Amino acid sequence: MIRPILSDEDAVRGYFFISFISLYLYYSILNILRRNDLVGKVSVNEVLLELSKVYEIHFGKKKKINEIPKRVTKLAESLKLNIFPKKMGS
């Protein structure tokens, strides 16, 4: 039997919970790629890398999304994701 390196039972449960959520998100993105016939063109890791380039900045109670790269916008459009606002407010 292989013992996990994690110290207690709660840590092991947390590890498996995060692993489950990660796997669920990975296959959700893969299904979106399959639905749009992009499996051979774009990988799940590439989607995550490109989307990680967008940040939301908080100024007190105001929120603002930094500039969205053109490649990210194209990727979101090709995946038919409606995740970015059309008009950026100041």
PDB file of N, CA and C in Angstrom:
ATOM      1  N   MET A   1       0.844  -1.179   0.000  1.00  0.00           N
ATOM      2  CA  MET A   1       0.000   0.000   0.000  1.00  0.00           C
ATOM      3  C   MET A   1       0.890   1.244   0.000  1.00  0.00           C
ATOM      4  N   ILE A   2       0.545   2.188  -0.853  1.00  0.00           N
ATOM      5  CA  ILE A   2       1.290   3.440  -0.939  1.00  0.00           C
ATOM      6  C   ILE A   2       0.670   4.448   0.014  1.00  0.00           C
ATOM      7  N   ARG A   3       1.484   4.996   0.898  1.00  0.00           N
ATOM      8  CA  ARG A   3       0.990   6.000   1.841  1.00  0.00           C
ATOM      9  C   ARG A   3       1.173   7.387   1.235  1.00  0.00           C
ATOM     10  N   PRO A   4       0.137   8.197   1.308  1.00  0.00           N
ATOM     11  CA  PRO A   4       0.298   9.566   0.814  1.00  0.00           C
ATOM     12  C   PRO A   4       1.255  10.353   1.706  1.00  0.00           C
ATOM     13  N   ILE A   5       1.919  11.313   1.118  1.00  0.00           N
ATOM     14  CA  ILE A   5       2.863  12.144   1.852  1.00  0.00           C
ATOM     15  C   ILE A   5       2.117  13.122   2.763  1.00  0.00           C
ATOM     16  N   LEU A   6       0.849  13.346   2.477  1.00  0.00           N
ATOM     17  CA  LEU A   6       0.064  14.313   3.244  1.00  0.00           C
ATOM     18  C   LEU A   6      -0.070  13.864   4.693  1.00  0.00           C
ATOM     19  N   SER A   7      -0.111  14.808   5.604  1.00  0.00           N
ATOM     20  CA  SER A   7       0.031  14.518   7.030  1.00  0.00           C
ATOM     21  C   SER A   7      -1.213  13.948   7.722  1.00  0.00           C
ATOM     22  N   ASP A   8      -2.391  14.386   7.335  1.00  0.00           N
ATOM     23  CA  ASP A   8      -3.577  13.898   8.036  1.00  0.00           C
ATOM     24  C   ASP A   8      -4.712  13.627   7.050  1.00  0.00           C
ATOM     25  N   GLU A   9      -5.794  13.102   7.589  1.00  0.00           N
ATOM     26  CA  GLU A   9      -6.931  12.682   6.771  1.00  0.00           C
ATOM     27  C   GLU A   9      -7.587  13.853   6.045  1.00  0.00           C
ATOM     28  N   ASP A  10      -7.688  15.002   6.691  1.00  0.00           N
ATOM     29  CA  ASP A  10      -8.276  16.180   6.047  1.00  0.00           C
ATOM     30  C   ASP A  10      -7.444  16.642   4.855  1.00  0.00           C
ATOM     31  N   ALA A  11      -6.136  16.562   4.970  1.00  0.00           N
ATOM     32  CA  ALA A  11      -5.259  16.945   3.867  1.00  0.00           C
ATOM     33  C   ALA A  11      -5.454  16.007   2.680  1.00  0.00           C
ATOM     34  N   VAL A  12      -5.630  14.723   2.941  1.00  0.00           N
ATOM     35  CA  VAL A  12      -5.856  13.753   1.867  1.00  0.00           C
ATOM     36  C   VAL A  12      -7.192  14.027   1.192  1.00  0.00           C
ATOM     37  N   ARG A  13      -8.223  14.287   1.983  1.00  0.00           N
ATOM     38  CA  ARG A  13      -9.535  14.614   1.416  1.00  0.00           C
ATOM     39  C   ARG A  13      -9.464  15.875   0.561  1.00  0.00           C
ATOM     40  N   GLY A  14      -8.761  16.887   1.048  1.00  0.00           N
ATOM     41  CA  GLY A  14      -8.589  18.124   0.289  1.00  0.00           C
ATOM     42  C   GLY A  14      -7.853  17.880  -1.015  1.00  0.00           C
ATOM     43  N   TYR A  15      -6.823  17.047  -0.960  1.00  0.00           N
ATOM     44  CA  TYR A  15      -6.055  16.716  -2.165  1.00  0.00           C
ATOM     45  C   TYR A  15      -6.951  16.049  -3.210  1.00  0.00           C
ATOM     46  N   PHE A  16      -7.737  15.048  -2.789  1.00  0.00           N
ATOM     47  CA  PHE A  16      -8.611  14.360  -3.737  1.00  0.00           C
ATOM     48  C   PHE A  16      -9.738  15.261  -4.231  1.00  0.00           C
ATOM     49  N   PHE A  17     -10.218  16.171  -3.403  1.00  0.00           N
ATOM     50  CA  PHE A  17     -11.252  17.108  -3.832  1.00  0.00           C
ATOM     51  C   PHE A  17     -10.713  18.031  -4.926  1.00  0.00           C
ATOM     52  N   ILE A  18      -9.536  18.603  -4.707  1.00  0.00           N
ATOM     53  CA  ILE A  18      -8.924  19.477  -5.709  1.00  0.00           C
ATOM     54  C   ILE A  18      -8.617  18.696  -6.982  1.00  0.00           C
ATOM     55  N   SER A  19      -8.161  17.457  -6.844  1.00  0.00           N
ATOM     56  CA  SER A  19      -7.895  16.618  -8.024  1.00  0.00           C
ATOM     57  C   SER A  19      -9.174  16.372  -8.811  1.00  0.00           C
ATOM     58  N   PHE A  20     -10.275  16.122  -8.102  1.00  0.00           N
ATOM     59  CA  PHE A  20     -11.560  15.894  -8.760  1.00  0.00           C
ATOM     60  C   PHE A  20     -12.030  17.141  -9.501  1.00  0.00           C
ATOM     61  N   ILE A  21     -11.949  18.299  -8.858  1.00  0.00           N
ATOM     62  CA  ILE A  21     -12.365  19.560  -9.487  1.00  0.00           C
ATOM     63  C   ILE A  21     -11.509  19.831 -10.721  1.00  0.00           C
ATOM     64  N   SER A  22     -10.205  19.608 -10.626  1.00  0.00           N
ATOM     65  CA  SER A  22      -9.299  19.831 -11.756  1.00  0.00           C
ATOM     66  C   SER A  22      -9.655  18.922 -12.925  1.00  0.00           C
ATOM     67  N   LEU A  23      -9.913  17.657 -12.632  1.00  0.00           N
ATOM     68  CA  LEU A  23     -10.275  16.710 -13.679  1.00  0.00           C
ATOM     69  C   LEU A  23     -11.605  17.086 -14.324  1.00  0.00           C
ATOM     70  N   TYR A  24     -12.559  17.508 -13.514  1.00  0.00           N
ATOM     71  CA  TYR A  24     -13.860  17.935 -14.021  1.00  0.00           C
ATOM     72  C   TYR A  24     -13.712  19.129 -14.964  1.00  0.00           C
ATOM     73  N   LEU A  25     -12.927  20.130 -14.569  1.00  0.00           N
ATOM     74  CA  LEU A  25     -12.720  21.307 -15.413  1.00  0.00           C
ATOM     75  C   LEU A  25     -11.968  20.950 -16.706  1.00  0.00           C
ATOM     76  N   TYR A  26     -10.980  20.085 -16.597  1.00  0.00           N
ATOM     77  CA  TYR A  26     -10.220  19.657 -17.768  1.00  0.00           C
ATOM     78  C   TYR A  26     -11.151  19.036 -18.815  1.00  0.00           C
ATOM     79  N   TYR A  27     -11.999  18.103 -18.380  1.00  0.00           N
ATOM     80  CA  TYR A  27     -12.891  17.440 -19.329  1.00  0.00           C
ATOM     81  C   TYR A  27     -14.029  18.340 -19.783  1.00  0.00           C
ATOM     82  N   SER A  28     -14.412  19.320 -18.990  1.00  0.00           N
ATOM     83  CA  SER A  28     -15.407  20.293 -19.448  1.00  0.00           C
ATOM     84  C   SER A  28     -14.843  21.107 -20.612  1.00  0.00           C
ATOM     85  N   ILE A  29     -13.589  21.538 -20.481  1.00  0.00           N
ATOM     86  CA  ILE A  29     -12.948  22.286 -21.570  1.00  0.00           C
ATOM     87  C   ILE A  29     -12.754  21.387 -22.778  1.00  0.00           C
ATOM     88  N   LEU A  30     -12.358  20.136 -22.555  1.00  0.00           N
ATOM     89  CA  LEU A  30     -12.176  19.193 -23.661  1.00  0.00           C
ATOM     90  C   LEU A  30     -13.495  18.976 -24.406  1.00  0.00           C
ATOM     91  N   ASN A  31     -14.603  18.886 -23.690  1.00  0.00           N
ATOM     92  CA  ASN A  31     -15.914  18.729 -24.340  1.00  0.00           C
ATOM     93  C   ASN A  31     -16.283  19.954 -25.164  1.00  0.00           C
ATOM     94  N   ILE A  32     -15.938  21.152 -24.675  1.00  0.00           N
ATOM     95  CA  ILE A  32     -16.192  22.371 -25.450  1.00  0.00           C
ATOM     96  C   ILE A  32     -15.362  22.348 -26.730  1.00  0.00           C
ATOM     97  N   LEU A  33     -14.108  21.912 -26.625  1.00  0.00           N
ATOM     98  CA  LEU A  33     -13.259  21.800 -27.819  1.00  0.00           C
ATOM     99  C   LEU A  33     -13.828  20.790 -28.805  1.00  0.00           C
ATOM    100  N   ARG A  34     -14.311  19.666 -28.320  1.00  0.00           N
ATOM    101  CA  ARG A  34     -14.913  18.644 -29.198  1.00  0.00           C
ATOM    102  C   ARG A  34     -16.171  19.173 -29.880  1.00  0.00           C
ATOM    103  N   ARG A  35     -17.004  19.874 -29.107  1.00  0.00           N
ATOM    104  CA  ARG A  35     -18.251  20.414 -29.644  1.00  0.00           C
ATOM    105  C   ARG A  35     -17.994  21.393 -30.792  1.00  0.00           C
ATOM    106  N   ASN A  36     -16.873  22.097 -30.736  1.00  0.00           N
ATOM    107  CA  ASN A  36     -16.542  23.088 -31.759  1.00  0.00           C
ATOM    108  C   ASN A  36     -15.492  22.594 -32.754  1.00  0.00           C
ATOM    109  N   ASP A  37     -15.225  21.291 -32.772  1.00  0.00           N
ATOM    110  CA  ASP A  37     -14.263  20.653 -33.692  1.00  0.00           C
ATOM    111  C   ASP A  37     -12.894  21.321 -33.657  1.00  0.00           C
ATOM    112  N   LEU A  38     -12.372  21.557 -32.463  1.00  0.00           N
ATOM    113  CA  LEU A  38     -11.072  22.203 -32.309  1.00  0.00           C
ATOM    114  C   LEU A  38     -10.050  21.322 -31.591  1.00  0.00           C
ATOM    115  N   VAL A  39     -10.355  20.035 -31.418  1.00  0.00           N
ATOM    116  CA  VAL A  39      -9.485  19.159 -30.639  1.00  0.00           C
ATOM    117  C   VAL A  39      -8.092  19.052 -31.245  1.00  0.00           C
ATOM    118  N   GLY A  40      -7.970  18.941 -32.545  1.00  0.00           N
ATOM    119  CA  GLY A  40      -6.672  18.818 -33.181  1.00  0.00           C
ATOM    120  C   GLY A  40      -5.928  20.137 -33.313  1.00  0.00           C
ATOM    121  N   LYS A  41      -6.633  21.245 -33.132  1.00  0.00           N
ATOM    122  CA  LYS A  41      -6.031  22.565 -33.338  1.00  0.00           C
ATOM    123  C   LYS A  41      -5.581  23.233 -32.043  1.00  0.00           C
ATOM    124  N   VAL A  42      -6.326  23.009 -30.969  1.00  0.00           N
ATOM    125  CA  VAL A  42      -6.054  23.676 -29.693  1.00  0.00           C
ATOM    126  C   VAL A  42      -6.124  22.625 -28.582  1.00  0.00           C
ATOM    127  N   SER A  43      -5.182  22.680 -27.654  1.00  0.00           N
ATOM    128  CA  SER A  43      -5.206  21.752 -26.522  1.00  0.00           C
ATOM    129  C   SER A  43      -5.852  22.422 -25.309  1.00  0.00           C
ATOM    130  N   VAL A  44      -6.231  21.617 -24.349  1.00  0.00           N
ATOM    131  CA  VAL A  44      -6.817  22.136 -23.113  1.00  0.00           C
ATOM    132  C   VAL A  44      -5.797  23.013 -22.392  1.00  0.00           C
ATOM    133  N   ASN A  45      -4.545  22.582 -22.364  1.00  0.00           N
ATOM    134  CA  ASN A  45      -3.505  23.374 -21.707  1.00  0.00           C
ATOM    135  C   ASN A  45      -3.322  24.726 -22.390  1.00  0.00           C
ATOM    136  N   GLU A  46      -3.432  24.747 -23.698  1.00  0.00           N
ATOM    137  CA  GLU A  46      -3.302  26.006 -24.442  1.00  0.00           C
ATOM    138  C   GLU A  46      -4.462  26.949 -24.116  1.00  0.00           C
ATOM    139  N   VAL A  47      -5.660  26.407 -24.006  1.00  0.00           N
ATOM    140  CA  VAL A  47      -6.823  27.219 -23.639  1.00  0.00           C
ATOM    141  C   VAL A  47      -6.615  27.831 -22.259  1.00  0.00           C
ATOM    142  N   LEU A  48      -6.183  27.018 -21.310  1.00  0.00           N
ATOM    143  CA  LEU A  48      -5.966  27.517 -19.954  1.00  0.00           C
ATOM    144  C   LEU A  48      -4.854  28.560 -19.914  1.00  0.00           C
ATOM    145  N   LEU A  49      -3.787  28.338 -20.673  1.00  0.00           N
ATOM    146  CA  LEU A  49      -2.692  29.294 -20.710  1.00  0.00           C
ATOM    147  C   LEU A  49      -3.145  30.635 -21.280  1.00  0.00           C
ATOM    148  N   GLU A  50      -3.884  30.598 -22.383  1.00  0.00           N
ATOM    149  CA  GLU A  50      -4.341  31.840 -23.010  1.00  0.00           C
ATOM    150  C   GLU A  50      -5.326  32.585 -22.115  1.00  0.00           C
ATOM    151  N   LEU A  51      -6.255  31.874 -21.500  1.00  0.00           N
ATOM    152  CA  LEU A  51      -7.243  32.531 -20.640  1.00  0.00           C
ATOM    153  C   LEU A  51      -6.608  33.058 -19.351  1.00  0.00           C
ATOM    154  N   SER A  52      -5.473  32.511 -18.964  1.00  0.00           N
ATOM    155  CA  SER A  52      -4.809  32.988 -17.743  1.00  0.00           C
ATOM    156  C   SER A  52      -4.158  34.351 -17.945  1.00  0.00           C
ATOM    157  N   LYS A  53      -4.136  34.851 -19.158  1.00  0.00           N
ATOM    158  CA  LYS A  53      -3.529  36.150 -19.447  1.00  0.00           C
ATOM    159  C   LYS A  53      -4.472  37.316 -19.175  1.00  0.00           C
ATOM    160  N   VAL A  54      -5.712  37.025 -18.802  1.00  0.00           N
ATOM    161  CA  VAL A  54      -6.705  38.061 -18.530  1.00  0.00           C
ATOM    162  C   VAL A  54      -6.852  38.198 -17.013  1.00  0.00           C
ATOM    163  N   TYR A  55      -6.755  39.430 -16.532  1.00  0.00           N
ATOM    164  CA  TYR A  55      -6.840  39.705 -15.104  1.00  0.00           C
ATOM    165  C   TYR A  55      -7.957  40.694 -14.817  1.00  0.00           C
ATOM    166  N   GLU A  56      -8.568  40.537 -13.645  1.00  0.00           N
ATOM    167  CA  GLU A  56      -9.528  41.516 -13.161  1.00  0.00           C
ATOM    168  C   GLU A  56      -8.846  42.296 -12.046  1.00  0.00           C
ATOM    169  N   ILE A  57      -8.863  43.610 -12.170  1.00  0.00           N
ATOM    170  CA  ILE A  57      -8.186  44.477 -11.215  1.00  0.00           C
ATOM    171  C   ILE A  57      -9.240  45.175 -10.364  1.00  0.00           C
ATOM    172  N   HIS A  58      -9.011  45.216  -9.055  1.00  0.00           N
ATOM    173  CA  HIS A  58      -9.950  45.847  -8.128  1.00  0.00           C
ATOM    174  C   HIS A  58      -9.354  47.136  -7.584  1.00  0.00           C
ATOM    175  N   PHE A  59     -10.109  48.226  -7.711  1.00  0.00           N
ATOM    176  CA  PHE A  59      -9.754  49.522  -7.144  1.00  0.00           C
ATOM    177  C   PHE A  59     -10.842  49.890  -6.150  1.00  0.00           C
ATOM    178  N   GLY A  60     -10.678  49.495  -4.920  1.00  0.00           N
ATOM    179  CA  GLY A  60     -11.730  49.742  -3.938  1.00  0.00           C
ATOM    180  C   GLY A  60     -12.966  48.945  -4.312  1.00  0.00           C
ATOM    181  N   LYS A  61     -14.051  49.666  -4.641  1.00  0.00           N
ATOM    182  CA  LYS A  61     -15.284  48.987  -5.036  1.00  0.00           C
ATOM    183  C   LYS A  61     -15.392  48.814  -6.540  1.00  0.00           C
ATOM    184  N   LYS A  62     -14.477  49.403  -7.303  1.00  0.00           N
ATOM    185  CA  LYS A  62     -14.506  49.298  -8.755  1.00  0.00           C
ATOM    186  C   LYS A  62     -13.713  48.088  -9.219  1.00  0.00           C
ATOM    187  N   LYS A  63     -14.210  47.467 -10.301  1.00  0.00           N
ATOM    188  CA  LYS A  63     -13.529  46.340 -10.923  1.00  0.00           C
ATOM    189  C   LYS A  63     -13.260  46.677 -12.379  1.00  0.00           C
ATOM    190  N   LYS A  64     -12.140  46.238 -12.866  1.00  0.00           N
ATOM    191  CA  LYS A  64     -11.816  46.474 -14.264  1.00  0.00           C
ATOM    192  C   LYS A  64     -11.011  45.295 -14.783  1.00  0.00           C
ATOM    193  N   ILE A  65     -11.326  44.867 -16.000  1.00  0.00           N
ATOM    194  CA  ILE A  65     -10.572  43.798 -16.647  1.00  0.00           C
ATOM    195  C   ILE A  65      -9.461  44.452 -17.444  1.00  0.00           C
ATOM    196  N   ASN A  66      -8.233  43.891 -17.303  1.00  0.00           N
ATOM    197  CA  ASN A  66      -7.125  44.450 -18.073  1.00  0.00           C
ATOM    198  C   ASN A  66      -7.371  44.208 -19.559  1.00  0.00           C
ATOM    199  N   GLU A  67      -6.502  44.694 -20.387  1.00  0.00           N
ATOM    200  CA  GLU A  67      -6.666  44.542 -21.831  1.00  0.00           C
ATOM    201  C   GLU A  67      -6.702  43.059 -22.197  1.00  0.00           C
ATOM    202  N   ILE A  68      -7.688  42.695 -23.000  1.00  0.00           N
ATOM    203  CA  ILE A  68      -7.843  41.307 -23.419  1.00  0.00           C
ATOM    204  C   ILE A  68      -7.084  41.122 -24.733  1.00  0.00           C
ATOM    205  N   PRO A  69      -6.075  40.231 -24.744  1.00  0.00           N
ATOM    206  CA  PRO A  69      -5.307  40.020 -25.974  1.00  0.00           C
ATOM    207  C   PRO A  69      -6.185  39.538 -27.120  1.00  0.00           C
ATOM    208  N   LYS A  70      -5.806  39.897 -28.341  1.00  0.00           N
ATOM    209  CA  LYS A  70      -6.586  39.535 -29.524  1.00  0.00           C
ATOM    210  C   LYS A  70      -6.713  38.018 -29.655  1.00  0.00           C
ATOM    211  N   ARG A  71      -5.631  37.308 -29.356  1.00  0.00           N
ATOM    212  CA  ARG A  71      -5.659  35.831 -29.456  1.00  0.00           C
ATOM    213  C   ARG A  71      -6.675  35.231 -28.480  1.00  0.00           C
ATOM    214  N   VAL A  72      -6.786  35.807 -27.287  1.00  0.00           N
ATOM    215  CA  VAL A  72      -7.746  35.325 -26.295  1.00  0.00           C
ATOM    216  C   VAL A  72      -9.172  35.603 -26.767  1.00  0.00           C
ATOM    217  N   THR A  73      -9.386  36.779 -27.333  1.00  0.00           N
ATOM    218  CA  THR A  73     -10.709  37.117 -27.860  1.00  0.00           C
ATOM    219  C   THR A  73     -11.110  36.161 -28.979  1.00  0.00           C
ATOM    220  N   LYS A  74     -10.190  35.883 -29.896  1.00  0.00           N
ATOM    221  CA  LYS A  74     -10.464  34.946 -30.992  1.00  0.00           C
ATOM    222  C   LYS A  74     -10.761  33.548 -30.460  1.00  0.00           C
ATOM    223  N   LEU A  75      -9.986  33.117 -29.478  1.00  0.00           N
ATOM    224  CA  LEU A  75     -10.186  31.795 -28.899  1.00  0.00           C
ATOM    225  C   LEU A  75     -11.555  31.699 -28.235  1.00  0.00           C
ATOM    226  N   ALA A  76     -11.941  32.710 -27.467  1.00  0.00           N
ATOM    227  CA  ALA A  76     -13.249  32.711 -26.806  1.00  0.00           C
ATOM    228  C   ALA A  76     -14.381  32.710 -27.826  1.00  0.00           C
ATOM    229  N   GLU A  77     -14.207  33.443 -28.937  1.00  0.00           N
ATOM    230  CA  GLU A  77     -15.220  33.453 -29.987  1.00  0.00           C
ATOM    231  C   GLU A  77     -15.320  32.096 -30.670  1.00  0.00           C
ATOM    232  N   SER A  78     -14.185  31.466 -30.955  1.00  0.00           N
ATOM    233  CA  SER A  78     -14.215  30.172 -31.637  1.00  0.00           C
ATOM    234  C   SER A  78     -14.778  29.075 -30.742  1.00  0.00           C
ATOM    235  N   LEU A  79     -14.643  29.244 -29.422  1.00  0.00           N
ATOM    236  CA  LEU A  79     -15.225  28.280 -28.482  1.00  0.00           C
ATOM    237  C   LEU A  79     -16.663  28.630 -28.119  1.00  0.00           C
ATOM    238  N   LYS A  80     -17.149  29.739 -28.659  1.00  0.00           N
ATOM    239  CA  LYS A  80     -18.509  30.232 -28.404  1.00  0.00           C
ATOM    240  C   LYS A  80     -18.727  30.485 -26.909  1.00  0.00           C
ATOM    241  N   LEU A  81     -17.715  31.089 -26.282  1.00  0.00           N
ATOM    242  CA  LEU A  81     -17.808  31.463 -24.874  1.00  0.00           C
ATOM    243  C   LEU A  81     -18.166  32.932 -24.777  1.00  0.00           C
ATOM    244  N   ASN A  82     -19.105  33.255 -23.939  1.00  0.00           N
ATOM    245  CA  ASN A  82     -19.499  34.638 -23.723  1.00  0.00           C
ATOM    246  C   ASN A  82     -19.023  35.036 -22.331  1.00  0.00           C
ATOM    247  N   ILE A  83     -17.705  35.191 -22.176  1.00  0.00           N
ATOM    248  CA  ILE A  83     -17.144  35.430 -20.853  1.00  0.00           C
ATOM    249  C   ILE A  83     -16.563  36.828 -20.678  1.00  0.00           C
ATOM    250  N   PHE A  84     -16.424  37.570 -21.760  1.00  0.00           N
ATOM    251  CA  PHE A  84     -15.859  38.915 -21.667  1.00  0.00           C
ATOM    252  C   PHE A  84     -16.927  39.934 -22.023  1.00  0.00           C
ATOM    253  N   PRO A  85     -16.953  41.059 -21.315  1.00  0.00           N
ATOM    254  CA  PRO A  85     -17.940  42.097 -21.641  1.00  0.00           C
ATOM    255  C   PRO A  85     -17.645  42.724 -23.009  1.00  0.00           C
ATOM    256  N   LYS A  86     -18.706  43.111 -23.692  1.00  0.00           N
ATOM    257  CA  LYS A  86     -18.549  43.737 -25.013  1.00  0.00           C
ATOM    258  C   LYS A  86     -17.994  45.140 -24.886  1.00  0.00           C
ATOM    259  N   LYS A  87     -18.501  45.883 -23.901  1.00  0.00           N
ATOM    260  CA  LYS A  87     -18.046  47.260 -23.704  1.00  0.00           C
ATOM    261  C   LYS A  87     -17.304  47.348 -22.388  1.00  0.00           C
ATOM    262  N   MET A  88     -16.134  47.890 -22.464  1.00  0.00           N
ATOM    263  CA  MET A  88     -15.323  48.043 -21.257  1.00  0.00           C
ATOM    264  C   MET A  88     -15.631  49.402 -20.619  1.00  0.00           C
ATOM    265  N   GLY A  89     -16.111  49.385 -19.400  1.00  0.00           N
ATOM    266  CA  GLY A  89     -16.395  50.626 -18.696  1.00  0.00           C
ATOM    267  C   GLY A  89     -15.189  51.106 -17.917  1.00  0.00           C
ATOM    268  N   SER A  90     -15.119  52.412 -17.657  1.00  0.00           N
ATOM    269  CA  SER A  90     -13.976  52.925 -16.892  1.00  0.00           C
ATOM    270  C   SER A  90     -14.368  53.242 -15.481  1.00  0.00           C
TER     271      SER A  90
END
